[in-house]
Amino acid sequence: MQVYEAAREVHEQCGNGIPINVFKSCFAHELRIKGLRFRLNAAFPVVYKNMKLDHTLNADFLIEDILPLNLNKKEEDAAEAMSSLLRMNEIPMGLVIEINKTQLVDGFKKIQNPIKRIL
């Protein structure tokens, strides 16, 4: 809930036409205000059949060491990319936020790992 509130605050203050890098900086500031720990531009290994490959998948944020989050302007393949990151790293859930929506709630997507369900 705090993550959504941070994103909503930035969206309300800056509008839906804000450049993604500016939104990212403002969102990072909001996360700090809320006392949430995060890493920017977090890299995740690609693990295939228990073998770590020489590739990485990236998330704009890793919040509290458990929640990957990507910001984007168009939905396109964002959900599928997050789903792959979750599957290859056995992470139960991630977030994708499409910041160009008039209402942020319409662009806020919770992606669940299709293999590892949250109980």
Protein backbone atom coordinates (compact mmCIF):
# COMPACT_ATOMS: atom_id res chain seq x y z
CA MET A 1 0.00 0.00 0.00
CA GLN A 2 2.84 2.43 0.77
CA VAL A 3 4.35 1.80 -2.66
CA TYR A 4 1.07 2.66 -4.37
CA GLU A 5 0.64 5.75 -2.20
CA ALA A 6 4.16 6.94 -3.11
CA ALA A 7 3.49 6.47 -6.83
CA ARG A 8 0.07 8.15 -6.55
CA GLU A 9 1.60 11.16 -4.80
CA VAL A 10 4.15 11.65 -7.58
CA HIS A 11 1.48 11.17 -10.25
CA GLU A 12 -0.81 13.73 -8.57
CA GLN A 13 1.96 16.28 -8.10
CA CYS A 14 3.61 15.93 -11.50
CA GLY A 15 0.89 14.72 -13.86
CA ASN A 16 0.86 11.91 -16.36
CA GLY A 17 3.11 13.56 -18.97
CA ILE A 18 6.22 13.59 -16.80
CA PRO A 19 9.39 12.04 -18.30
CA ILE A 20 10.05 8.61 -16.84
CA ASN A 21 13.48 9.55 -15.42
CA VAL A 22 11.94 12.48 -13.53
CA PHE A 23 9.12 10.28 -12.22
CA LYS A 24 11.75 7.76 -11.13
CA SER A 25 13.66 10.39 -9.11
CA CYS A 26 10.48 11.76 -7.52
CA PHE A 27 9.27 8.24 -6.73
CA ALA A 28 12.61 7.40 -5.08
CA HIS A 29 12.22 10.51 -2.92
CA GLU A 30 8.67 9.49 -1.93
CA LEU A 31 9.89 6.00 -0.98
CA ARG A 32 12.57 7.61 1.24
CA ILE A 33 9.94 9.84 2.87
CA LYS A 34 7.88 6.73 3.65
CA GLY A 35 10.92 5.02 5.15
CA LEU A 36 11.04 2.21 2.59
CA ARG A 37 14.38 0.69 1.65
CA PHE A 38 15.05 0.25 -2.06
CA ARG A 39 17.72 -0.18 -4.70
CA LEU A 40 17.61 1.57 -8.04
CA ASN A 41 18.31 -0.31 -11.27
CA ALA A 42 18.48 -3.70 -9.60
CA ALA A 43 19.98 -6.49 -11.70
CA PHE A 44 18.71 -10.05 -11.37
CA PRO A 45 20.54 -13.11 -12.69
CA VAL A 46 19.07 -15.27 -15.40
CA VAL A 47 18.85 -18.79 -14.01
CA TYR A 48 17.91 -21.56 -16.41
CA LYS A 49 17.57 -25.14 -15.13
CA ASN A 50 19.64 -24.32 -12.04
CA MET A 51 22.41 -22.69 -14.12
CA LYS A 52 23.18 -19.02 -13.73
CA LEU A 53 23.79 -17.55 -17.19
CA ASP A 54 25.85 -14.51 -18.17
CA HIS A 55 22.77 -12.34 -18.56
CA THR A 56 20.72 -10.20 -16.24
CA LEU A 57 17.16 -8.96 -16.10
CA ASN A 58 16.64 -5.52 -14.61
CA ALA A 59 14.06 -3.79 -12.47
CA ASP A 60 13.89 -0.04 -11.97
CA PHE A 61 13.47 -0.61 -8.22
CA LEU A 62 13.85 -3.43 -5.74
CA ILE A 63 11.82 -2.42 -2.72
CA GLU A 64 12.56 -3.89 0.72
CA ASP A 65 14.71 -6.57 -0.96
CA ILE A 66 11.59 -8.48 -2.06
CA LEU A 67 9.50 -6.45 -4.49
CA PRO A 68 10.79 -5.66 -8.00
CA LEU A 69 9.07 -2.72 -9.69
CA ASN A 70 9.31 -1.31 -13.21
CA LEU A 71 8.04 2.03 -14.44
CA ASN A 72 7.02 2.46 -18.05
CA LYS A 73 5.03 4.72 -20.34
CA LYS A 74 3.40 2.00 -22.45
CA GLU A 75 2.15 -1.38 -21.32
CA GLU A 76 3.47 -3.30 -24.35
CA ASP A 77 5.59 -6.17 -22.97
CA ALA A 78 6.09 -4.85 -19.42
CA ALA A 79 3.95 -7.48 -17.70
CA GLU A 80 5.58 -10.31 -19.64
CA ALA A 81 9.08 -9.02 -18.88
CA MET A 82 8.26 -8.78 -15.16
CA SER A 83 6.75 -12.27 -15.25
CA SER A 84 10.01 -13.64 -16.71
CA LEU A 85 12.08 -11.89 -14.04
CA LEU A 86 9.86 -13.36 -11.32
CA ARG A 87 9.93 -16.88 -12.77
CA MET A 88 13.70 -17.00 -13.28
CA ASN A 89 14.42 -15.76 -9.76
CA GLU A 90 11.62 -17.51 -7.87
CA ILE A 91 10.15 -14.20 -6.70
CA PRO A 92 6.44 -14.39 -5.87
CA MET A 93 5.29 -10.95 -7.02
CA GLY A 94 6.37 -7.74 -8.79
CA LEU A 95 4.82 -4.45 -9.84
CA VAL A 96 4.59 -2.60 -13.13
CA ILE A 97 3.43 1.00 -13.13
CA GLU A 98 2.41 2.63 -16.39
CA ILE A 99 2.81 6.31 -15.55
CA ASN A 100 1.00 7.79 -18.58
CA LYS A 101 -2.48 6.85 -17.41
CA THR A 102 -4.89 9.63 -16.44
CA GLN A 103 -5.68 7.68 -13.27
CA LEU A 104 -2.61 5.95 -11.83
CA VAL A 105 -4.73 3.09 -10.53
CA ASP A 106 -5.40 2.12 -14.17
CA GLY A 107 -1.67 1.67 -14.77
CA PHE A 108 -0.79 -0.05 -11.49
CA LYS A 109 -0.32 -3.77 -12.21
CA LYS A 110 0.50 -6.47 -9.70
CA ILE A 111 2.22 -9.36 -11.50
CA GLN A 112 2.27 -12.75 -9.81
CA ASN A 113 4.79 -15.45 -10.57
CA PRO A 114 2.74 -18.08 -12.42
CA ILE A 115 4.89 -20.82 -10.90
CA LYS A 116 5.23 -19.58 -7.32
CA ARG A 117 1.88 -18.51 -5.91
CA ILE A 118 1.60 -16.44 -2.74
CA LEU A 119 -0.42 -18.30 -0.14
